[in-house]
């Protein structure tokens, strides 16, 4: 008696799923991280204030009339302002009044100091105010002020800067401390100013 061999039923074969290339996986991961990073930066920037103010003070053992000339005459800033030493080849242009209201000063230097201009808008025995416009590397318009208030036998001098906080400025502040970035040279300048006023 013969027996017949029954062939097993044919099974449907499917092609193995195509594997995503490793390069594509890495690329998508990096893209995801970048998008997340940008999102976090934007959220943090949105929490920054719409205006900023930086100020530092020092007590000078001299009356205000011995301090004012070093501030009121923009040409004398080369003797005490730390910003004047950033670029030794910086170009300077003085115009307008010799000192006080209407005195103007424009500068242009390397990428570390950029370009901008200053104009004194107020000059009294207690206060000198000026408009401060940055042209490069980033445009901005702020106000700088020096106030001089009697303190004991000396004078308390305060150097401040304030202005609108642009969105780009807010983005920068996510990574840099604006108060420390400006406050450190303010302290240095006030210390230099103190030395000049006290030696006269």
N, C-alpha and C. Protein backbone atom coordinates (compact mmCIF):
# COMPACT_ATOMS: atom_id res chain seq x y z
N UNK A 1 0.87 -1.17 0.00
CA UNK A 1 0.00 0.00 0.00
C UNK A 1 0.90 1.22 0.00
N UNK A 2 0.65 2.04 -0.95
CA UNK A 2 1.53 3.22 -1.08
C UNK A 2 0.98 4.36 -0.25
N UNK A 3 1.93 5.11 0.23
CA UNK A 3 1.52 6.30 1.02
C UNK A 3 1.95 7.53 0.26
N UNK A 4 1.15 8.53 0.33
CA UNK A 4 1.47 9.80 -0.36
C UNK A 4 1.96 10.80 0.65
N UNK A 5 2.95 11.49 0.23
CA UNK A 5 3.50 12.53 1.11
C UNK A 5 2.78 13.84 0.84
N UNK A 6 2.24 14.36 1.90
CA UNK A 6 1.51 15.64 1.77
C UNK A 6 2.48 16.76 2.06
N UNK A 7 2.64 17.64 1.10
CA UNK A 7 3.55 18.79 1.30
C UNK A 7 2.94 19.77 2.28
N UNK A 8 3.76 20.31 3.13
CA UNK A 8 3.23 21.31 4.09
C UNK A 8 2.72 22.52 3.34
N UNK A 9 1.71 23.14 3.91
CA UNK A 9 1.13 24.32 3.23
C UNK A 9 2.20 25.42 3.08
N UNK A 10 2.14 26.07 1.96
CA UNK A 10 3.11 27.15 1.71
C UNK A 10 2.82 28.32 2.63
N UNK A 11 3.86 28.85 3.19
CA UNK A 11 3.70 30.04 4.07
C UNK A 11 4.14 31.27 3.31
N UNK A 12 3.41 32.35 3.55
CA UNK A 12 3.71 33.62 2.87
C UNK A 12 4.94 34.25 3.51
N UNK A 13 5.90 34.55 2.71
CA UNK A 13 7.12 35.18 3.24
C UNK A 13 7.06 36.68 3.02
N UNK A 14 7.49 37.41 4.04
CA UNK A 14 7.52 38.88 3.94
C UNK A 14 8.95 39.35 4.05
N UNK A 15 9.23 40.44 3.36
CA UNK A 15 10.60 41.03 3.39
C UNK A 15 10.85 41.66 4.75
N UNK A 16 12.03 41.51 5.29
CA UNK A 16 12.34 42.11 6.59
C UNK A 16 12.19 43.62 6.51
N UNK A 17 11.70 44.25 7.61
CA UNK A 17 11.52 45.70 7.59
C UNK A 17 12.85 46.40 7.31
N UNK A 18 12.73 47.44 6.54
CA UNK A 18 13.92 48.19 6.17
C UNK A 18 14.44 48.96 7.38
N UNK A 19 15.66 48.74 7.67
CA UNK A 19 16.23 49.41 8.83
C UNK A 19 16.64 50.84 8.48
N UNK A 20 16.31 51.76 9.40
CA UNK A 20 16.71 53.15 9.21
C UNK A 20 18.22 53.25 9.36
N UNK A 21 18.83 53.95 8.48
CA UNK A 21 20.29 54.05 8.54
C UNK A 21 20.71 54.75 9.83
N UNK A 22 21.89 54.38 10.29
CA UNK A 22 22.39 54.96 11.53
C UNK A 22 22.61 56.47 11.38
N UNK A 23 23.05 56.88 10.20
CA UNK A 23 23.30 58.30 9.95
C UNK A 23 22.01 59.10 10.07
N UNK A 24 20.93 58.55 9.53
CA UNK A 24 19.65 59.25 9.61
C UNK A 24 19.17 59.36 11.05
N UNK A 25 19.39 58.30 11.81
CA UNK A 25 18.99 58.30 13.21
C UNK A 25 19.73 59.38 14.00
N UNK A 26 21.04 59.43 13.76
CA UNK A 26 21.85 60.44 14.45
C UNK A 26 21.39 61.85 14.05
N UNK A 27 21.14 62.03 12.75
CA UNK A 27 20.71 63.35 12.26
C UNK A 27 19.40 63.78 12.91
N UNK A 28 18.43 62.87 12.97
CA UNK A 28 17.14 63.20 13.55
C UNK A 28 17.26 63.48 15.05
N UNK A 29 18.16 62.75 15.71
CA UNK A 29 18.38 62.98 17.14
C UNK A 29 18.97 64.37 17.38
N UNK A 30 19.96 64.72 16.56
CA UNK A 30 20.57 66.05 16.69
C UNK A 30 19.57 67.15 16.38
N UNK A 31 18.75 66.92 15.37
CA UNK A 31 17.74 67.91 15.01
C UNK A 31 16.74 68.10 16.15
N UNK A 32 16.34 66.99 16.76
CA UNK A 32 15.42 67.08 17.88
C UNK A 32 16.02 67.84 19.05
N UNK A 33 17.29 67.58 19.34
CA UNK A 33 17.98 68.29 20.43
C UNK A 33 18.08 69.78 20.13
N UNK A 34 18.37 70.11 18.86
CA UNK A 34 18.49 71.51 18.47
C UNK A 34 17.16 72.24 18.63
N UNK A 35 16.08 71.62 18.17
CA UNK A 35 14.76 72.23 18.29
C UNK A 35 14.41 72.44 19.76
N UNK A 36 14.70 71.44 20.59
CA UNK A 36 14.44 71.55 22.03
C UNK A 36 15.26 72.68 22.64
N UNK A 37 16.55 72.77 22.25
CA UNK A 37 17.43 73.81 22.76
C UNK A 37 16.91 75.20 22.40
N UNK A 38 16.52 75.38 21.14
CA UNK A 38 15.98 76.68 20.70
C UNK A 38 14.71 77.01 21.47
N UNK A 39 13.88 76.04 21.68
CA UNK A 39 12.64 76.26 22.42
C UNK A 39 12.91 76.71 23.85
N UNK A 40 13.86 76.07 24.49
CA UNK A 40 14.21 76.44 25.87
C UNK A 40 14.76 77.86 25.92
N UNK A 41 15.64 78.20 24.95
CA UNK A 41 16.23 79.55 24.91
C UNK A 41 15.14 80.60 24.71
N UNK A 42 14.20 80.34 23.82
CA UNK A 42 13.12 81.29 23.57
C UNK A 42 12.25 81.49 24.81
N UNK A 43 11.98 80.40 25.50
CA UNK A 43 11.18 80.51 26.73
C UNK A 43 11.92 81.32 27.78
N UNK A 44 13.21 81.03 27.96
CA UNK A 44 13.99 81.77 28.95
C UNK A 44 14.12 83.25 28.58
N UNK A 45 14.30 83.53 27.27
CA UNK A 45 14.41 84.92 26.82
C UNK A 45 13.13 85.69 27.11
N UNK A 46 11.99 85.03 26.96
CA UNK A 46 10.71 85.71 27.17
C UNK A 46 10.50 86.10 28.63
N UNK A 47 11.27 85.51 29.54
CA UNK A 47 11.12 85.83 30.96
C UNK A 47 11.97 87.04 31.38
N UNK A 48 12.85 87.50 30.48
CA UNK A 48 13.71 88.64 30.81
C UNK A 48 12.90 89.93 30.81
N UNK A 49 13.29 90.92 31.65
CA UNK A 49 12.53 92.18 31.72
C UNK A 49 12.62 92.98 30.43
N UNK A 50 11.66 93.88 30.22
CA UNK A 50 11.62 94.70 29.01
C UNK A 50 12.58 95.88 29.06
N UNK A 51 13.07 96.19 30.25
CA UNK A 51 14.08 97.24 30.41
C UNK A 51 15.20 96.69 31.27
N UNK A 52 16.38 97.26 31.14
CA UNK A 52 17.50 96.83 31.97
C UNK A 52 18.14 98.05 32.62
N UNK A 53 18.84 97.82 33.70
CA UNK A 53 19.57 98.88 34.39
C UNK A 53 20.78 98.26 35.07
N UNK A 54 21.93 98.85 34.83
CA UNK A 54 23.18 98.43 35.47
C UNK A 54 23.76 99.66 36.16
N UNK A 55 24.20 99.51 37.41
CA UNK A 55 24.82 100.65 38.08
C UNK A 55 25.84 100.18 39.11
N UNK A 56 26.86 101.00 39.29
CA UNK A 56 27.88 100.77 40.30
C UNK A 56 28.22 102.11 40.95
N UNK A 57 28.63 102.07 42.21
CA UNK A 57 28.93 103.30 42.96
C UNK A 57 30.26 103.19 43.66
N UNK A 58 30.84 104.35 43.96
CA UNK A 58 32.08 104.41 44.72
C UNK A 58 32.10 105.74 45.48
N UNK A 59 32.76 105.76 46.62
CA UNK A 59 32.92 107.00 47.38
C UNK A 59 34.28 107.60 47.09
N UNK A 60 34.27 108.84 46.63
CA UNK A 60 35.50 109.55 46.28
C UNK A 60 35.77 110.60 47.34
N UNK A 61 37.00 110.61 47.84
CA UNK A 61 37.36 111.58 48.88
C UNK A 61 37.73 112.92 48.24
N UNK A 62 36.75 113.48 47.58
CA UNK A 62 36.92 114.77 46.91
C UNK A 62 35.54 115.34 46.63
N UNK A 63 35.43 116.66 46.53
CA UNK A 63 34.13 117.26 46.21
C UNK A 63 33.76 117.03 44.75
N UNK A 64 32.49 117.20 44.46
CA UNK A 64 31.99 116.94 43.10
C UNK A 64 32.68 117.81 42.06
N UNK A 65 33.05 119.04 42.42
CA UNK A 65 33.67 119.92 41.43
C UNK A 65 35.03 119.43 40.95
N UNK A 66 35.66 118.52 41.69
CA UNK A 66 36.92 117.94 41.25
C UNK A 66 36.70 116.66 40.42
N UNK A 67 35.49 116.14 40.48
CA UNK A 67 35.17 114.90 39.76
C UNK A 67 34.55 115.21 38.40
N UNK A 68 33.65 116.20 38.38
CA UNK A 68 32.88 116.52 37.18
C UNK A 68 33.73 116.75 35.93
N UNK A 69 34.84 117.50 36.01
CA UNK A 69 35.60 117.77 34.77
C UNK A 69 36.09 116.52 34.06
N UNK A 70 36.33 115.44 34.80
CA UNK A 70 36.81 114.20 34.20
C UNK A 70 35.70 113.47 33.44
N UNK A 71 34.45 113.81 33.75
CA UNK A 71 33.31 113.18 33.09
C UNK A 71 32.72 114.11 32.04
N UNK A 72 32.65 115.38 32.37
CA UNK A 72 31.99 116.38 31.53
C UNK A 72 32.77 116.68 30.24
N UNK A 73 34.07 116.40 30.27
CA UNK A 73 34.92 116.57 29.08
C UNK A 73 35.20 115.18 28.52
N UNK A 74 34.56 114.83 27.41
CA UNK A 74 34.67 113.48 26.87
C UNK A 74 36.09 113.12 26.44
N UNK A 75 36.91 114.13 26.15
CA UNK A 75 38.30 113.85 25.76
C UNK A 75 39.10 113.29 26.93
N UNK A 76 38.65 113.57 28.15
CA UNK A 76 39.38 113.10 29.34
C UNK A 76 39.05 111.65 29.70
N UNK A 77 38.11 111.05 28.99
CA UNK A 77 37.75 109.67 29.31
C UNK A 77 38.89 108.70 29.04
N UNK A 78 39.80 109.07 28.14
CA UNK A 78 40.92 108.17 27.83
C UNK A 78 41.79 107.91 29.06
N UNK A 79 41.70 108.79 30.06
CA UNK A 79 42.54 108.64 31.26
C UNK A 79 41.94 107.68 32.29
N UNK A 80 40.64 107.39 32.19
CA UNK A 80 40.05 106.58 33.24
C UNK A 80 39.08 105.49 32.76
N UNK A 81 38.46 105.65 31.59
CA UNK A 81 37.46 104.67 31.15
C UNK A 81 38.13 103.39 30.64
N UNK A 82 37.76 102.23 31.17
CA UNK A 82 38.35 100.97 30.70
C UNK A 82 37.97 100.65 29.25
N UNK A 83 36.86 101.20 28.77
CA UNK A 83 36.44 100.94 27.40
C UNK A 83 37.40 101.57 26.39
N UNK A 84 38.14 102.59 26.83
CA UNK A 84 39.09 103.26 25.95
C UNK A 84 40.32 102.40 25.68
N UNK A 85 40.52 101.36 26.46
CA UNK A 85 41.73 100.54 26.35
C UNK A 85 41.49 99.21 25.65
N UNK A 86 40.25 98.97 25.23
CA UNK A 86 39.92 97.68 24.61
C UNK A 86 40.64 97.51 23.27
N UNK A 87 40.64 98.58 22.47
CA UNK A 87 41.29 98.54 21.16
C UNK A 87 42.25 99.72 21.05
N UNK A 88 43.57 99.49 21.11
CA UNK A 88 44.54 100.59 21.05
C UNK A 88 44.45 101.40 19.76
N UNK A 89 43.92 100.80 18.69
CA UNK A 89 43.83 101.48 17.40
C UNK A 89 42.44 102.08 17.14
N UNK A 90 41.63 102.18 18.19
CA UNK A 90 40.27 102.70 18.03
C UNK A 90 40.29 104.13 17.50
N UNK A 91 39.41 104.41 16.54
CA UNK A 91 39.30 105.75 15.97
C UNK A 91 38.30 106.57 16.80
N UNK A 92 38.67 107.82 17.11
CA UNK A 92 37.82 108.69 17.92
C UNK A 92 37.53 109.98 17.17
N UNK A 93 36.32 110.48 17.33
CA UNK A 93 35.94 111.74 16.69
C UNK A 93 35.14 112.57 17.69
N UNK A 94 35.67 113.75 18.05
CA UNK A 94 35.00 114.64 18.99
C UNK A 94 34.38 115.80 18.21
N UNK A 95 33.18 116.18 18.61
CA UNK A 95 32.49 117.28 17.93
C UNK A 95 31.56 117.98 18.91
N UNK A 96 30.94 119.07 18.43
CA UNK A 96 30.01 119.79 19.28
C UNK A 96 30.72 120.63 20.31
N UNK A 97 30.10 120.79 21.47
CA UNK A 97 30.67 121.61 22.55
C UNK A 97 31.95 120.99 23.10
N UNK A 98 32.79 121.83 23.67
CA UNK A 98 34.04 121.34 24.27
C UNK A 98 33.75 120.43 25.45
N UNK A 99 32.72 120.77 26.21
CA UNK A 99 32.30 119.94 27.34
C UNK A 99 30.85 120.27 27.68
N UNK A 100 30.27 119.49 28.55
CA UNK A 100 28.88 119.73 28.93
C UNK A 100 27.89 119.39 27.84
N UNK A 101 26.69 119.96 27.97
CA UNK A 101 25.61 119.65 27.03
C UNK A 101 26.04 119.97 25.59
N UNK A 102 25.81 119.01 24.72
CA UNK A 102 26.16 119.19 23.31
C UNK A 102 27.51 118.62 22.92
N UNK A 103 28.31 118.20 23.89
CA UNK A 103 29.58 117.55 23.57
C UNK A 103 29.30 116.17 23.01
N UNK A 104 29.96 115.84 21.90
CA UNK A 104 29.71 114.55 21.25
C UNK A 104 31.02 113.81 21.00
N UNK A 105 30.89 112.49 21.04
CA UNK A 105 32.06 111.63 20.85
C UNK A 105 31.62 110.37 20.10
N UNK A 106 32.30 110.09 18.98
CA UNK A 106 32.01 108.87 18.22
C UNK A 106 33.26 108.01 18.18
N UNK A 107 33.08 106.71 18.20
CA UNK A 107 34.22 105.79 18.16
C UNK A 107 33.95 104.67 17.18
N UNK A 108 35.04 104.09 16.69
CA UNK A 108 34.95 102.90 15.84
C UNK A 108 36.21 102.08 16.03
N UNK A 109 36.02 100.82 16.40
CA UNK A 109 37.16 99.96 16.67
C UNK A 109 36.97 98.55 16.15
N UNK A 110 37.70 97.63 16.75
CA UNK A 110 37.61 96.24 16.31
C UNK A 110 36.32 95.60 16.81
N UNK A 111 36.21 94.29 16.61
CA UNK A 111 34.97 93.58 16.98
C UNK A 111 34.73 93.57 18.48
N UNK A 112 35.76 93.83 19.27
CA UNK A 112 35.60 93.82 20.73
C UNK A 112 34.95 95.09 21.26
N UNK A 113 35.14 96.21 20.56
CA UNK A 113 34.60 97.49 21.03
C UNK A 113 33.51 98.02 20.11
N UNK A 114 33.49 97.59 18.85
CA UNK A 114 32.44 98.00 17.94
C UNK A 114 32.49 99.47 17.57
N UNK A 115 31.32 100.04 17.36
CA UNK A 115 31.21 101.45 16.98
C UNK A 115 29.98 102.05 17.63
N UNK A 116 30.04 103.36 17.88
CA UNK A 116 28.90 104.03 18.49
C UNK A 116 29.17 105.50 18.70
N UNK A 117 28.29 106.15 19.43
CA UNK A 117 28.46 107.57 19.71
C UNK A 117 27.78 107.95 21.02
N UNK A 118 28.30 109.02 21.62
CA UNK A 118 27.81 109.53 22.90
C UNK A 118 27.53 111.02 22.73
N UNK A 119 26.48 111.51 23.36
CA UNK A 119 26.24 112.95 23.42
C UNK A 119 25.74 113.31 24.80
N UNK A 120 26.38 114.31 25.42
CA UNK A 120 25.94 114.76 26.74
C UNK A 120 24.65 115.56 26.57
N UNK A 121 23.61 115.16 27.29
CA UNK A 121 22.29 115.79 27.19
C UNK A 121 21.91 116.59 28.43
N UNK A 122 22.63 116.38 29.53
CA UNK A 122 22.35 117.09 30.78
C UNK A 122 23.63 117.20 31.58
N UNK A 123 23.88 118.38 32.12
CA UNK A 123 25.08 118.57 32.92
C UNK A 123 24.80 119.57 34.03
N UNK A 124 24.72 119.07 35.26
CA UNK A 124 24.50 119.90 36.44
C UNK A 124 25.56 119.53 37.47
N UNK A 125 25.68 120.29 38.55
CA UNK A 125 26.67 119.95 39.58
C UNK A 125 26.48 118.55 40.17
N UNK A 126 25.25 118.03 40.10
CA UNK A 126 24.98 116.72 40.71
C UNK A 126 24.82 115.58 39.71
N UNK A 127 24.67 115.92 38.42
CA UNK A 127 24.35 114.85 37.47
C UNK A 127 24.83 115.19 36.07
N UNK A 128 25.36 114.16 35.39
CA UNK A 128 25.71 114.27 33.97
C UNK A 128 25.05 113.09 33.28
N UNK A 129 24.20 113.40 32.30
CA UNK A 129 23.49 112.36 31.57
C UNK A 129 23.85 112.44 30.09
N UNK A 130 23.82 111.31 29.44
CA UNK A 130 24.17 111.28 28.01
C UNK A 130 23.42 110.18 27.28
N UNK A 131 23.15 110.45 26.01
CA UNK A 131 22.59 109.42 25.15
C UNK A 131 23.74 108.56 24.64
N UNK A 132 23.52 107.29 24.62
CA UNK A 132 24.56 106.33 24.23
C UNK A 132 23.99 105.42 23.15
N UNK A 133 24.54 105.54 21.96
CA UNK A 133 24.04 104.75 20.84
C UNK A 133 25.13 103.81 20.33
N UNK A 134 24.83 102.52 20.35
CA UNK A 134 25.73 101.51 19.79
C UNK A 134 25.30 101.21 18.36
N UNK A 135 26.27 101.22 17.45
CA UNK A 135 25.99 100.94 16.05
C UNK A 135 26.44 99.54 15.65
N UNK A 136 27.58 99.10 16.17
CA UNK A 136 28.13 97.77 15.91
C UNK A 136 28.73 97.24 17.20
N UNK A 137 28.72 95.94 17.44
CA UNK A 137 28.22 94.87 16.57
C UNK A 137 26.70 94.72 16.58
N UNK A 138 26.03 95.39 17.52
CA UNK A 138 24.58 95.28 17.61
C UNK A 138 24.02 96.66 17.92
N UNK A 139 22.99 97.07 17.19
CA UNK A 139 22.41 98.40 17.39
C UNK A 139 21.61 98.46 18.68
N UNK A 140 21.80 99.56 19.43
CA UNK A 140 21.05 99.76 20.67
C UNK A 140 21.16 101.22 21.08
N UNK A 141 20.12 101.72 21.74
CA UNK A 141 20.12 103.09 22.25
C UNK A 141 19.82 103.05 23.73
N UNK A 142 20.75 103.57 24.53
CA UNK A 142 20.61 103.57 25.97
C UNK A 142 20.90 104.95 26.54
N UNK A 143 20.76 105.07 27.83
CA UNK A 143 21.07 106.31 28.55
C UNK A 143 22.11 105.99 29.62
N UNK A 144 23.17 106.78 29.67
CA UNK A 144 24.19 106.63 30.71
C UNK A 144 24.12 107.86 31.62
N UNK A 145 24.30 107.64 32.91
CA UNK A 145 24.22 108.75 33.87
C UNK A 145 25.31 108.63 34.93
N UNK A 146 25.82 109.77 35.34
CA UNK A 146 26.73 109.86 36.47
C UNK A 146 26.10 110.81 37.47
N UNK A 147 25.88 110.31 38.68
CA UNK A 147 25.33 111.18 39.73
C UNK A 147 26.38 111.33 40.82
N UNK A 148 26.40 112.52 41.43
CA UNK A 148 27.38 112.84 42.48
C UNK A 148 26.64 113.41 43.67
N UNK A 149 26.66 112.66 44.77
CA UNK A 149 25.92 113.03 45.97
C UNK A 149 26.89 113.13 47.14
N UNK A 150 26.84 114.23 47.91
CA UNK A 150 27.74 114.35 49.06
C UNK A 150 27.56 113.18 50.02
N UNK A 151 28.68 112.66 50.50
CA UNK A 151 28.66 111.57 51.46
C UNK A 151 29.81 111.77 52.44
N UNK A 152 29.49 112.21 53.65
CA UNK A 152 30.53 112.53 54.62
C UNK A 152 31.42 113.66 54.11
N UNK A 153 32.72 113.42 54.12
CA UNK A 153 33.67 114.41 53.60
C UNK A 153 33.95 114.21 52.11
N UNK A 154 33.27 113.25 51.51
CA UNK A 154 33.52 112.95 50.10
C UNK A 154 32.26 113.01 49.26
N UNK A 155 32.28 112.28 48.16
CA UNK A 155 31.17 112.28 47.21
C UNK A 155 30.90 110.85 46.75
N UNK A 156 29.64 110.46 46.79
CA UNK A 156 29.26 109.16 46.25
C UNK A 156 28.97 109.32 44.76
N UNK A 157 29.76 108.65 43.94
CA UNK A 157 29.60 108.72 42.48
C UNK A 157 28.96 107.42 41.99
N UNK A 158 27.88 107.54 41.25
CA UNK A 158 27.20 106.37 40.70
C UNK A 158 27.20 106.46 39.18
N UNK A 159 27.66 105.39 38.55
CA UNK A 159 27.67 105.27 37.09
C UNK A 159 26.60 104.26 36.73
N UNK A 160 25.63 104.68 35.93
CA UNK A 160 24.53 103.77 35.57
C UNK A 160 24.27 103.82 34.07
N UNK A 161 23.64 102.78 33.59
CA UNK A 161 23.20 102.70 32.19
C UNK A 161 21.87 101.97 32.17
N UNK A 162 20.92 102.49 31.43
CA UNK A 162 19.62 101.82 31.34
C UNK A 162 19.03 102.05 29.96
N UNK A 163 18.09 101.19 29.60
CA UNK A 163 17.46 101.29 28.29
C UNK A 163 16.53 100.13 28.04
N UNK A 164 15.89 100.13 26.87
CA UNK A 164 14.97 99.04 26.52
C UNK A 164 15.73 97.74 26.28
N UNK A 165 15.11 96.66 26.68
CA UNK A 165 15.70 95.34 26.49
C UNK A 165 15.09 94.72 25.24
N UNK A 166 15.80 94.79 24.12
CA UNK A 166 15.29 94.23 22.87
C UNK A 166 15.25 92.70 22.96
N UNK A 167 14.53 92.09 22.02
CA UNK A 167 14.45 90.63 22.04
C UNK A 167 15.84 90.01 21.86
N UNK A 168 16.65 90.62 20.99
CA UNK A 168 18.01 90.10 20.81
C UNK A 168 18.81 90.24 22.10
N UNK A 169 18.59 91.36 22.79
CA UNK A 169 19.26 91.55 24.08
C UNK A 169 18.84 90.50 25.09
N UNK A 170 17.56 90.16 25.09
CA UNK A 170 17.06 89.12 25.99
C UNK A 170 17.68 87.76 25.67
N UNK A 171 17.84 87.49 24.36
CA UNK A 171 18.47 86.23 23.95
C UNK A 171 19.91 86.15 24.47
N UNK A 172 20.63 87.26 24.35
CA UNK A 172 22.02 87.30 24.81
C UNK A 172 22.09 87.09 26.31
N UNK A 173 21.12 87.66 27.03
CA UNK A 173 21.13 87.56 28.49
C UNK A 173 20.85 86.15 29.00
N UNK A 174 20.36 85.28 28.13
CA UNK A 174 20.19 83.88 28.52
C UNK A 174 21.56 83.25 28.78
N UNK A 175 22.57 83.73 28.04
CA UNK A 175 23.91 83.15 28.14
C UNK A 175 24.90 84.04 28.89
N UNK A 176 24.65 85.36 28.93
CA UNK A 176 25.57 86.29 29.57
C UNK A 176 24.86 87.09 30.64
N UNK A 177 25.56 87.34 31.74
CA UNK A 177 25.02 88.16 32.82
C UNK A 177 25.30 89.62 32.49
N UNK A 178 24.25 90.34 32.07
CA UNK A 178 24.40 91.74 31.66
C UNK A 178 24.94 92.60 32.80
N UNK A 179 24.46 92.35 34.01
CA UNK A 179 24.89 93.16 35.15
C UNK A 179 26.39 92.98 35.40
N UNK A 180 26.85 91.75 35.32
CA UNK A 180 28.27 91.48 35.55
C UNK A 180 29.12 91.96 34.38
N UNK A 181 28.61 91.78 33.15
CA UNK A 181 29.35 92.15 31.96
C UNK A 181 29.63 93.65 31.92
N UNK A 182 28.65 94.47 32.31
CA UNK A 182 28.84 95.92 32.33
C UNK A 182 29.34 96.41 33.68
N UNK A 183 28.92 95.74 34.74
CA UNK A 183 29.28 96.19 36.08
C UNK A 183 30.76 96.11 36.37
N UNK A 184 31.44 95.10 35.85
CA UNK A 184 32.88 94.95 36.09
C UNK A 184 33.68 96.13 35.54
N UNK A 185 33.50 96.52 34.26
CA UNK A 185 34.22 97.71 33.79
C UNK A 185 33.74 99.00 34.45
N UNK A 186 32.48 99.07 34.87
CA UNK A 186 32.01 100.26 35.59
C UNK A 186 32.82 100.42 36.88
N UNK A 187 33.01 99.31 37.61
CA UNK A 187 33.79 99.37 38.84
C UNK A 187 35.22 99.82 38.58
N UNK A 188 35.80 99.27 37.51
CA UNK A 188 37.17 99.64 37.16
C UNK A 188 37.27 101.12 36.82
N UNK A 189 36.31 101.61 36.03
CA UNK A 189 36.32 103.01 35.65
C UNK A 189 36.15 103.94 36.85
N UNK A 190 35.25 103.58 37.75
CA UNK A 190 35.03 104.41 38.94
C UNK A 190 36.27 104.44 39.83
N UNK A 191 36.97 103.32 39.92
CA UNK A 191 38.21 103.27 40.71
C UNK A 191 39.26 104.18 40.08
N UNK A 192 39.37 104.16 38.76
CA UNK A 192 40.31 105.06 38.07
C UNK A 192 39.93 106.52 38.27
N UNK A 193 38.63 106.80 38.20
CA UNK A 193 38.13 108.15 38.37
C UNK A 193 38.41 108.66 39.78
N UNK A 194 38.25 107.79 40.75
CA UNK A 194 38.55 108.13 42.14
C UNK A 194 40.02 108.53 42.30
N UNK A 195 40.91 107.74 41.69
CA UNK A 195 42.32 108.04 41.79
C UNK A 195 42.68 109.39 41.19
N UNK A 196 42.08 109.71 40.05
CA UNK A 196 42.35 110.99 39.40
C UNK A 196 41.85 112.15 40.23
N UNK A 197 40.61 112.04 40.74
CA UNK A 197 40.01 113.14 41.50
C UNK A 197 40.72 113.37 42.82
N UNK A 198 41.20 112.31 43.44
CA UNK A 198 41.81 112.45 44.76
C UNK A 198 43.25 112.93 44.71
N UNK A 199 43.90 112.80 43.55
CA UNK A 199 45.30 113.23 43.47
C UNK A 199 45.44 114.71 43.10
N UNK A 200 44.35 115.36 42.72
CA UNK A 200 44.41 116.78 42.35
C UNK A 200 44.22 117.67 43.56
